[in-house]
C-alpha cells in the first residue's frame, strides 16, 4: 500500500509559557499544503522489518519516525507482521514543515488500515503524540488552531484559494530542541485566534512567529528570503515553525519573478 504524507505551514506561532513537564504551551494555526513525501509498506519476505529511503536525505536511520511508529504499534499489537517500508522524501528535513511528523502519522494510519488493527482515531492521536508534538495534527490534516504542545486542535474554516504560495528552503537545518532553549515565552497583545479571522492584508503587521527573531539573528539569509518576498509583492510572508523554510502568500493573478539561488529548494503551489 502507498500513501502520500503532506506537510504544513504555521500561520503565526506564539510561545506562551514553559510547562512543568519541560514542554512549552504554544498557539499557532496549522495549515496543510500540497507538498508530499511517498510512503510504501509491503510485507517482508525475510521476516525482518526494514526501511529504505530515496530523494532528500531522511537523516539517521535509527531516528526515523516511520520506524518508531511501527515499533510503537508492535508493542501493543504483537500480531503486526514484519514489513518493508520505502520512504521517498520530497519535503525538506529540519525545515519547519513537519515532514517527519507527517510521515509518522501516515505510517500509523496506514498500518492500522492495512492490518485491520481497528485502532480508533482517538487512540491513534495518543500514539502520535508519543512520536512528536505536531504528529497528531496530521491525523486531522485540516486547517486548525493548535494549542497545548501543539496537540490540542480545533478545526477552523480558513480558505486561501484566491492565493498562490511560494516555499523557499535554503537548506539550513534548524534544531528545534536547541531553538526552544533560547525562546522567551510571553502572552502576545493579540491572540492568533483573533488575528487569523481578520483580512489577510492585516496579517503582515500582527501575525508573527516568535522564533523568527532568534533564527534570523543566527541566519541572515533566512531573514533576507522573507524580505525579498515582501519586496516582490507578497501579501504575507513568514518563517514556518522553527524554520528554516519561509513561505510567501501572493495574489493569484499577480505575476511574480523572484530570484532564487540554485541551491535552494523552492516550490510554487496553488492553495
C-alpha atoms as a PDB file:
ATOM      1  CA  UNK A   1       0.000   0.000   0.000  1.00  0.00           C
ATOM      2  CA  UNK A   2       1.152   3.513  -0.812  1.00  0.00           C
ATOM      3  CA  UNK A   3       0.269   6.802   0.864  1.00  0.00           C
ATOM      4  CA  UNK A   4       1.358  10.390   0.393  1.00  0.00           C
ATOM      5  CA  UNK A   5       2.215  12.297   3.607  1.00  0.00           C
ATOM      6  CA  UNK A   6       1.850  16.048   3.109  1.00  0.00           C
ATOM      7  CA  UNK A   7       3.347  18.880   5.114  1.00  0.00           C
ATOM      8  CA  UNK A   8       2.053  22.057   6.781  1.00  0.00           C
ATOM      9  CA  UNK A   9       2.918  25.667   7.377  1.00  0.00           C
ATOM     10  CA  UNK A  10       2.427  27.629  10.581  1.00  0.00           C
ATOM     11  CA  UNK A  11       0.339  30.762  10.329  1.00  0.00           C
ATOM     12  CA  UNK A  12       1.698  32.619  13.346  1.00  0.00           C
ATOM     13  CA  UNK A  13       3.457  30.934  16.243  1.00  0.00           C
ATOM     14  CA  UNK A  14       3.406  32.227  19.802  1.00  0.00           C
ATOM     15  CA  UNK A  15       5.205  30.518  22.685  1.00  0.00           C
ATOM     16  CA  UNK A  16       3.086  31.317  25.727  1.00  0.00           C
ATOM     17  CA  UNK A  17       4.804  29.618  28.668  1.00  0.00           C
ATOM     18  CA  UNK A  18       7.104  26.816  29.704  1.00  0.00           C
ATOM     19  CA  UNK A  19       5.365  23.902  31.359  1.00  0.00           C
ATOM     20  CA  UNK A  20       6.394  21.812  34.331  1.00  0.00           C
ATOM     21  CA  UNK A  21       6.899  18.799  32.047  1.00  0.00           C
ATOM     22  CA  UNK A  22       9.580  20.684  30.119  1.00  0.00           C
ATOM     23  CA  UNK A  23       7.430  21.374  27.061  1.00  0.00           C
ATOM     24  CA  UNK A  24       6.013  24.759  26.082  1.00  0.00           C
ATOM     25  CA  UNK A  25       2.438  25.884  25.590  1.00  0.00           C
ATOM     26  CA  UNK A  26       2.057  27.384  22.139  1.00  0.00           C
ATOM     27  CA  UNK A  27      -0.575  28.908  19.919  1.00  0.00           C
ATOM     28  CA  UNK A  28      -0.436  28.542  16.144  1.00  0.00           C
ATOM     29  CA  UNK A  29      -2.526  27.721  13.115  1.00  0.00           C
ATOM     30  CA  UNK A  30      -1.501  24.603  11.203  1.00  0.00           C
ATOM     31  CA  UNK A  31      -2.380  24.830   7.526  1.00  0.00           C
ATOM     32  CA  UNK A  32      -1.896  21.801   5.214  1.00  0.00           C
ATOM     33  CA  UNK A  33      -0.114  22.355   1.914  1.00  0.00           C
ATOM     34  CA  UNK A  34       0.252  20.121  -1.172  1.00  0.00           C
ATOM     35  CA  UNK A  35       3.887  19.073  -0.913  1.00  0.00           C
ATOM     36  CA  UNK A  36       4.196  15.324  -0.418  1.00  0.00           C
ATOM     37  CA  UNK A  37       6.508  12.506   0.550  1.00  0.00           C
ATOM     38  CA  UNK A  38       5.710   8.983  -0.680  1.00  0.00           C
ATOM     39  CA  UNK A  39       5.459   6.052   1.744  1.00  0.00           C
ATOM     40  CA  UNK A  40       5.039   2.424   0.697  1.00  0.00           C
ATOM     41  CA  UNK A  41       4.528  -0.514   3.053  1.00  0.00           C
ATOM     42  CA  UNK A  42       4.681  -4.144   1.901  1.00  0.00           C
ATOM     43  CA  UNK A  43       5.058  -7.466   3.745  1.00  0.00           C
ATOM     44  CA  UNK A  44       8.614  -8.572   4.492  1.00  0.00           C
ATOM     45  CA  UNK A  45       9.772 -11.708   2.704  1.00  0.00           C
ATOM     46  CA  UNK A  46      12.580 -12.395   5.209  1.00  0.00           C
ATOM     47  CA  UNK A  47      10.689 -11.574   8.427  1.00  0.00           C
ATOM     48  CA  UNK A  48      12.856  -8.503   9.024  1.00  0.00           C
ATOM     49  CA  UNK A  49      11.387  -5.024   9.341  1.00  0.00           C
ATOM     50  CA  UNK A  50      13.432  -2.549   7.325  1.00  0.00           C
ATOM     51  CA  UNK A  51      13.182   0.962   5.939  1.00  0.00           C
ATOM     52  CA  UNK A  52      14.726   2.182   2.710  1.00  0.00           C
ATOM     53  CA  UNK A  53      14.735   5.808   1.578  1.00  0.00           C
ATOM     54  CA  UNK A  54      15.280   7.868  -1.551  1.00  0.00           C
ATOM     55  CA  UNK A  55      15.060  11.523  -2.525  1.00  0.00           C
ATOM     56  CA  UNK A  56      16.165  14.092   0.043  1.00  0.00           C
ATOM     57  CA  UNK A  57      18.368  12.749   2.843  1.00  0.00           C
ATOM     58  CA  UNK A  58      15.996  11.452   5.526  1.00  0.00           C
ATOM     59  CA  UNK A  59      18.534  11.610   8.360  1.00  0.00           C
ATOM     60  CA  UNK A  60      19.710   8.920  10.775  1.00  0.00           C
ATOM     61  CA  UNK A  61      18.125   5.510  10.163  1.00  0.00           C
ATOM     62  CA  UNK A  62      17.535   4.670  13.831  1.00  0.00           C
ATOM     63  CA  UNK A  63      15.880   8.053  14.427  1.00  0.00           C
ATOM     64  CA  UNK A  64      13.386   7.732  11.587  1.00  0.00           C
ATOM     65  CA  UNK A  65       9.866   8.320  12.850  1.00  0.00           C
ATOM     66  CA  UNK A  66       8.330   5.799  10.443  1.00  0.00           C
ATOM     67  CA  UNK A  67      10.329   3.033  12.125  1.00  0.00           C
ATOM     68  CA  UNK A  68       9.476   4.396  15.557  1.00  0.00           C
ATOM     69  CA  UNK A  69       5.776   4.435  14.623  1.00  0.00           C
ATOM     70  CA  UNK A  70       5.943   0.783  13.569  1.00  0.00           C
ATOM     71  CA  UNK A  71       7.686  -0.340  16.760  1.00  0.00           C
ATOM     72  CA  UNK A  72       5.276   1.705  18.885  1.00  0.00           C
ATOM     73  CA  UNK A  73       2.323  -0.215  17.462  1.00  0.00           C
ATOM     74  CA  UNK A  74       4.192  -3.529  17.551  1.00  0.00           C
ATOM     75  CA  UNK A  75       4.395  -3.309  21.365  1.00  0.00           C
ATOM     76  CA  UNK A  76       0.598  -3.306  21.670  1.00  0.00           C
ATOM     77  CA  UNK A  77      -0.174  -5.397  18.592  1.00  0.00           C
ATOM     78  CA  UNK A  78       2.314  -8.291  18.550  1.00  0.00           C
ATOM     79  CA  UNK A  79       0.427  -9.800  15.610  1.00  0.00           C
ATOM     80  CA  UNK A  80       1.732  -6.971  13.434  1.00  0.00           C
ATOM     81  CA  UNK A  81       3.987  -8.710  10.892  1.00  0.00           C
ATOM     82  CA  UNK A  82       7.440  -7.651   9.781  1.00  0.00           C
ATOM     83  CA  UNK A  83       7.289  -5.150   6.922  1.00  0.00           C
ATOM     84  CA  UNK A  84       9.366  -3.367   4.338  1.00  0.00           C
ATOM     85  CA  UNK A  85       8.911   0.387   4.187  1.00  0.00           C
ATOM     86  CA  UNK A  86      10.166   2.684   1.484  1.00  0.00           C
ATOM     87  CA  UNK A  87      10.087   6.440   2.057  1.00  0.00           C
ATOM     88  CA  UNK A  88      10.722   8.825  -0.800  1.00  0.00           C
ATOM     89  CA  UNK A  89      11.497  12.231   0.722  1.00  0.00           C
ATOM     90  CA  UNK A  90      10.469  15.386  -1.082  1.00  0.00           C
ATOM     91  CA  UNK A  91       9.713  17.539   1.982  1.00  0.00           C
ATOM     92  CA  UNK A  92      12.896  19.190   3.309  1.00  0.00           C
ATOM     93  CA  UNK A  93      14.083  17.903   6.700  1.00  0.00           C
ATOM     94  CA  UNK A  94      14.530  20.210   9.717  1.00  0.00           C
ATOM     95  CA  UNK A  95      12.656  22.871   7.831  1.00  0.00           C
ATOM     96  CA  UNK A  96       9.616  23.707   9.977  1.00  0.00           C
ATOM     97  CA  UNK A  97       7.255  21.880   7.626  1.00  0.00           C
ATOM     98  CA  UNK A  98       6.516  18.879   9.837  1.00  0.00           C
ATOM     99  CA  UNK A  99       7.545  16.360   7.204  1.00  0.00           C
ATOM    100  CA  UNK A 100       8.887  13.782   9.644  1.00  0.00           C
ATOM    101  CA  UNK A 101       5.833  14.094  11.862  1.00  0.00           C
ATOM    102  CA  UNK A 102       3.581  13.663   8.858  1.00  0.00           C
ATOM    103  CA  UNK A 103       5.478  10.544   7.778  1.00  0.00           C
ATOM    104  CA  UNK A 104       4.988   9.101  11.267  1.00  0.00           C
ATOM    105  CA  UNK A 105       1.271   9.885  11.433  1.00  0.00           C
ATOM    106  CA  UNK A 106       0.669   8.439   7.966  1.00  0.00           C
ATOM    107  CA  UNK A 107       2.608   5.310   8.983  1.00  0.00           C
ATOM    108  CA  UNK A 108       0.298   4.802  11.959  1.00  0.00           C
ATOM    109  CA  UNK A 109      -2.784   5.262   9.782  1.00  0.00           C
ATOM    110  CA  UNK A 110      -1.534   3.007   7.008  1.00  0.00           C
ATOM    111  CA  UNK A 111      -0.573   0.182   9.363  1.00  0.00           C
ATOM    112  CA  UNK A 112      -3.931   0.473  11.101  1.00  0.00           C
ATOM    113  CA  UNK A 113      -5.756   0.176   7.782  1.00  0.00           C
ATOM    114  CA  UNK A 114      -3.547  -2.431   6.088  1.00  0.00           C
ATOM    115  CA  UNK A 115      -3.505  -4.848   9.005  1.00  0.00           C
ATOM    116  CA  UNK A 116      -7.045  -4.224  10.330  1.00  0.00           C
ATOM    117  CA  UNK A 117      -5.892  -3.202  13.794  1.00  0.00           C
ATOM    118  CA  UNK A 118      -9.183  -1.364  14.482  1.00  0.00           C
ATOM    119  CA  UNK A 119      -7.449   1.453  16.360  1.00  0.00           C
ATOM    120  CA  UNK A 120      -9.800   4.378  16.956  1.00  0.00           C
ATOM    121  CA  UNK A 121      -8.827   7.865  15.791  1.00  0.00           C
ATOM    122  CA  UNK A 122      -8.656   8.948  19.432  1.00  0.00           C
ATOM    123  CA  UNK A 123      -6.149   6.197  20.233  1.00  0.00           C
ATOM    124  CA  UNK A 124      -4.136   6.991  17.110  1.00  0.00           C
ATOM    125  CA  UNK A 125      -3.826  10.527  18.490  1.00  0.00           C
ATOM    126  CA  UNK A 126      -2.363   9.057  21.701  1.00  0.00           C
ATOM    127  CA  UNK A 127       0.212   7.068  19.748  1.00  0.00           C
ATOM    128  CA  UNK A 128       1.035  10.026  17.518  1.00  0.00           C
ATOM    129  CA  UNK A 129       1.724  12.334  20.462  1.00  0.00           C
ATOM    130  CA  UNK A 130       4.381   9.902  21.681  1.00  0.00           C
ATOM    131  CA  UNK A 131       6.229  10.488  18.412  1.00  0.00           C
ATOM    132  CA  UNK A 132       6.047  14.284  18.284  1.00  0.00           C
ATOM    133  CA  UNK A 133       4.011  17.265  19.439  1.00  0.00           C
ATOM    134  CA  UNK A 134       2.701  18.008  15.945  1.00  0.00           C
ATOM    135  CA  UNK A 135       2.210  14.378  14.869  1.00  0.00           C
ATOM    136  CA  UNK A 136      -1.464  14.278  15.942  1.00  0.00           C
ATOM    137  CA  UNK A 137      -2.206  17.192  13.633  1.00  0.00           C
ATOM    138  CA  UNK A 138      -1.534  15.095  10.538  1.00  0.00           C
ATOM    139  CA  UNK A 139      -4.292  12.693  11.560  1.00  0.00           C
ATOM    140  CA  UNK A 140      -6.697  15.642  11.285  1.00  0.00           C
ATOM    141  CA  UNK A 141      -4.861  17.298   8.384  1.00  0.00           C
ATOM    142  CA  UNK A 142      -7.179  20.294   8.064  1.00  0.00           C
ATOM    143  CA  UNK A 143      -6.787  23.963   8.966  1.00  0.00           C
ATOM    144  CA  UNK A 144      -6.653  24.005  12.756  1.00  0.00           C
ATOM    145  CA  UNK A 145      -5.868  26.257  15.679  1.00  0.00           C
ATOM    146  CA  UNK A 146      -3.314  24.377  17.786  1.00  0.00           C
ATOM    147  CA  UNK A 147      -2.590  24.925  21.462  1.00  0.00           C
ATOM    148  CA  UNK A 148      -1.027  22.988  24.323  1.00  0.00           C
ATOM    149  CA  UNK A 149       2.149  21.402  22.936  1.00  0.00           C
ATOM    150  CA  UNK A 150       0.522  21.605  19.529  1.00  0.00           C
ATOM    151  CA  UNK A 151      -1.683  18.571  20.062  1.00  0.00           C
ATOM    152  CA  UNK A 152      -4.842  20.396  21.213  1.00  0.00           C
ATOM    153  CA  UNK A 153      -6.554  21.026  17.896  1.00  0.00           C
ATOM    154  CA  UNK A 154      -9.636  22.991  16.953  1.00  0.00           C
ATOM    155  CA  UNK A 155     -10.603  22.838  13.303  1.00  0.00           C
ATOM    156  CA  UNK A 156     -11.200  26.238  11.742  1.00  0.00           C
ATOM    157  CA  UNK A 157     -12.558  27.375   8.394  1.00  0.00           C
ATOM    158  CA  UNK A 158      -9.776  29.121   6.508  1.00  0.00           C
ATOM    159  CA  UNK A 159      -9.612  29.354   2.733  1.00  0.00           C
ATOM    160  CA  UNK A 160      -6.640  30.716   0.823  1.00  0.00           C
ATOM    161  CA  UNK A 161      -7.956  29.543  -2.534  1.00  0.00           C
ATOM    162  CA  UNK A 162      -7.588  33.008  -4.050  1.00  0.00           C
ATOM    163  CA  UNK A 163      -3.850  32.927  -3.482  1.00  0.00           C
ATOM    164  CA  UNK A 164      -0.709  31.091  -4.517  1.00  0.00           C
ATOM    165  CA  UNK A 165       2.162  30.271  -2.209  1.00  0.00           C
ATOM    166  CA  UNK A 166       5.906  30.131  -2.638  1.00  0.00           C
ATOM    167  CA  UNK A 167       8.040  27.949  -0.365  1.00  0.00           C
ATOM    168  CA  UNK A 168      11.765  28.587  -0.174  1.00  0.00           C
ATOM    169  CA  UNK A 169      14.124  26.496   1.922  1.00  0.00           C
ATOM    170  CA  UNK A 170      17.817  27.455   1.923  1.00  0.00           C
ATOM    171  CA  UNK A 171      18.976  24.036   3.097  1.00  0.00           C
ATOM    172  CA  UNK A 172      19.762  25.150   6.644  1.00  0.00           C
ATOM    173  CA  UNK A 173      18.831  22.508   9.228  1.00  0.00           C
ATOM    174  CA  UNK A 174      17.312  24.050  12.371  1.00  0.00           C
ATOM    175  CA  UNK A 175      17.439  22.014  15.576  1.00  0.00           C
ATOM    176  CA  UNK A 176      14.011  22.537  17.139  1.00  0.00           C
ATOM    177  CA  UNK A 177      15.088  21.453  20.606  1.00  0.00           C
ATOM    178  CA  UNK A 178      18.005  23.891  20.677  1.00  0.00           C
ATOM    179  CA  UNK A 179      15.924  26.803  19.383  1.00  0.00           C
ATOM    180  CA  UNK A 180      13.303  26.226  22.088  1.00  0.00           C
ATOM    181  CA  UNK A 181      16.023  26.646  24.707  1.00  0.00           C
ATOM    182  CA  UNK A 182      16.506  30.248  23.586  1.00  0.00           C
ATOM    183  CA  UNK A 183      12.884  31.323  23.387  1.00  0.00           C
ATOM    184  CA  UNK A 184      11.419  33.757  25.910  1.00  0.00           C
ATOM    185  CA  UNK A 185       7.733  32.889  26.383  1.00  0.00           C
ATOM    186  CA  UNK A 186       5.085  35.548  26.808  1.00  0.00           C
ATOM    187  CA  UNK A 187       1.487  36.467  26.125  1.00  0.00           C
ATOM    188  CA  UNK A 188       1.023  38.478  22.919  1.00  0.00           C
ATOM    189  CA  UNK A 189      -1.065  41.642  22.760  1.00  0.00           C
ATOM    190  CA  UNK A 190      -3.476  39.926  20.373  1.00  0.00           C
ATOM    191  CA  UNK A 191      -4.018  36.201  20.075  1.00  0.00           C
ATOM    192  CA  UNK A 192      -3.598  34.318  16.826  1.00  0.00           C
ATOM    193  CA  UNK A 193      -7.152  33.004  17.092  1.00  0.00           C
ATOM    194  CA  UNK A 194      -8.342  36.601  16.649  1.00  0.00           C
ATOM    195  CA  UNK A 195      -5.817  37.740  14.030  1.00  0.00           C
ATOM    196  CA  UNK A 196      -6.458  34.793  11.732  1.00  0.00           C
ATOM    197  CA  UNK A 197     -10.093  35.903  11.326  1.00  0.00           C
ATOM    198  CA  UNK A 198      -9.018  39.321  10.036  1.00  0.00           C
ATOM    199  CA  UNK A 199      -8.404  40.155   6.355  1.00  0.00           C
ATOM    200  CA  UNK A 200      -5.150  38.646   5.125  1.00  0.00           C
ATOM    201  CA  UNK A 201      -3.872  42.141   4.331  1.00  0.00           C
ATOM    202  CA  UNK A 202      -3.643  42.841   8.083  1.00  0.00           C
ATOM    203  CA  UNK A 203      -1.534  39.785   8.905  1.00  0.00           C
ATOM    204  CA  UNK A 204       1.769  41.417   7.936  1.00  0.00           C
ATOM    205  CA  UNK A 205       1.736  43.720  10.951  1.00  0.00           C
ATOM    206  CA  UNK A 206       0.139  41.396  13.502  1.00  0.00           C
ATOM    207  CA  UNK A 207       0.624  37.704  12.726  1.00  0.00           C
ATOM    208  CA  UNK A 208       4.103  36.851  13.979  1.00  0.00           C
ATOM    209  CA  UNK A 209       6.347  33.860  14.617  1.00  0.00           C
ATOM    210  CA  UNK A 210       8.231  34.147  17.921  1.00  0.00           C
ATOM    211  CA  UNK A 211      11.135  32.106  16.548  1.00  0.00           C
ATOM    212  CA  UNK A 212      11.946  34.462  13.691  1.00  0.00           C
ATOM    213  CA  UNK A 213      13.970  36.854  15.828  1.00  0.00           C
ATOM    214  CA  UNK A 214      16.224  34.040  17.078  1.00  0.00           C
ATOM    215  CA  UNK A 215      16.633  32.281  13.736  1.00  0.00           C
ATOM    216  CA  UNK A 216      17.107  35.489  11.741  1.00  0.00           C
ATOM    217  CA  UNK A 217      19.868  36.561  14.121  1.00  0.00           C
ATOM    218  CA  UNK A 218      21.690  33.282  13.525  1.00  0.00           C
ATOM    219  CA  UNK A 219      20.988  33.030   9.801  1.00  0.00           C
ATOM    220  CA  UNK A 220      20.735  36.362   7.998  1.00  0.00           C
ATOM    221  CA  UNK A 221      19.939  34.686   4.679  1.00  0.00           C
ATOM    222  CA  UNK A 222      16.650  33.317   6.042  1.00  0.00           C
ATOM    223  CA  UNK A 223      15.645  36.846   7.015  1.00  0.00           C
ATOM    224  CA  UNK A 224      16.605  38.054   3.544  1.00  0.00           C
ATOM    225  CA  UNK A 225      14.319  35.476   1.910  1.00  0.00           C
ATOM    226  CA  UNK A 226      11.340  36.864   3.808  1.00  0.00           C
ATOM    227  CA  UNK A 227      12.256  40.460   2.987  1.00  0.00           C
ATOM    228  CA  UNK A 228      12.688  39.587  -0.684  1.00  0.00           C
ATOM    229  CA  UNK A 229       9.211  38.068  -0.810  1.00  0.00           C
ATOM    230  CA  UNK A 230       7.697  41.279   0.508  1.00  0.00           C
ATOM    231  CA  UNK A 231       9.682  43.319  -1.993  1.00  0.00           C
ATOM    232  CA  UNK A 232       8.197  41.161  -4.740  1.00  0.00           C
ATOM    233  CA  UNK A 233       4.627  41.739  -3.612  1.00  0.00           C
ATOM    234  CA  UNK A 234       3.777  39.058  -1.061  1.00  0.00           C
ATOM    235  CA  UNK A 235       0.578  39.816   0.819  1.00  0.00           C
ATOM    236  CA  UNK A 236       2.028  37.894   3.761  1.00  0.00           C
ATOM    237  CA  UNK A 237       5.373  36.184   4.341  1.00  0.00           C
ATOM    238  CA  UNK A 238       6.795  34.373   7.347  1.00  0.00           C
ATOM    239  CA  UNK A 239       9.058  31.610   8.534  1.00  0.00           C
ATOM    240  CA  UNK A 240       7.167  28.425   9.314  1.00  0.00           C
ATOM    241  CA  UNK A 241       7.661  26.622  12.621  1.00  0.00           C
ATOM    242  CA  UNK A 242      11.202  26.905  13.934  1.00  0.00           C
ATOM    243  CA  UNK A 243      12.489  27.290  10.364  1.00  0.00           C
ATOM    244  CA  UNK A 244      14.260  27.315   8.063  1.00  0.00           C
ATOM    245  CA  UNK A 245      11.541  27.389   5.401  1.00  0.00           C
ATOM    246  CA  UNK A 246       9.976  30.725   4.525  1.00  0.00           C
ATOM    247  CA  UNK A 247       6.664  30.979   2.707  1.00  0.00           C
ATOM    248  CA  UNK A 248       5.053  33.855   0.889  1.00  0.00           C
ATOM    249  CA  UNK A 249       1.370  34.207   0.050  1.00  0.00           C
ATOM    250  CA  UNK A 250       0.781  36.076  -3.204  1.00  0.00           C
ATOM    251  CA  UNK A 251      -2.298  37.176  -5.118  1.00  0.00           C
ATOM    252  CA  UNK A 252      -3.029  34.509  -7.695  1.00  0.00           C
ATOM    253  CA  UNK A 253      -3.331  36.949 -10.595  1.00  0.00           C
ATOM    254  CA  UNK A 254      -0.066  38.797  -9.927  1.00  0.00           C
ATOM    255  CA  UNK A 255       2.981  37.886 -11.956  1.00  0.00           C
ATOM    256  CA  UNK A 256       5.887  37.225  -9.614  1.00  0.00           C
ATOM    257  CA  UNK A 257       9.532  36.888 -10.530  1.00  0.00           C
ATOM    258  CA  UNK A 258      11.762  36.182  -7.546  1.00  0.00           C
ATOM    259  CA  UNK A 259      15.429  35.383  -7.966  1.00  0.00           C
ATOM    260  CA  UNK A 260      16.146  32.142  -6.126  1.00  0.00           C
ATOM    261  CA  UNK A 261      19.603  30.670  -5.581  1.00  0.00           C
ATOM    262  CA  UNK A 262      20.040  27.425  -7.482  1.00  0.00           C
ATOM    263  CA  UNK A 263      20.993  25.512  -4.321  1.00  0.00           C
ATOM    264  CA  UNK A 264      17.724  26.449  -2.578  1.00  0.00           C
ATOM    265  CA  UNK A 265      14.675  24.213  -2.543  1.00  0.00           C
ATOM    266  CA  UNK A 266      11.620  26.104  -3.762  1.00  0.00           C
ATOM    267  CA  UNK A 267       8.115  25.345  -4.930  1.00  0.00           C
ATOM    268  CA  UNK A 268       5.155  27.358  -6.151  1.00  0.00           C
ATOM    269  CA  UNK A 269       1.745  25.911  -5.362  1.00  0.00           C
ATOM    270  CA  UNK A 270      -1.926  26.748  -5.558  1.00  0.00           C
ATOM    271  CA  UNK A 271      -3.783  26.619  -2.272  1.00  0.00           C
END
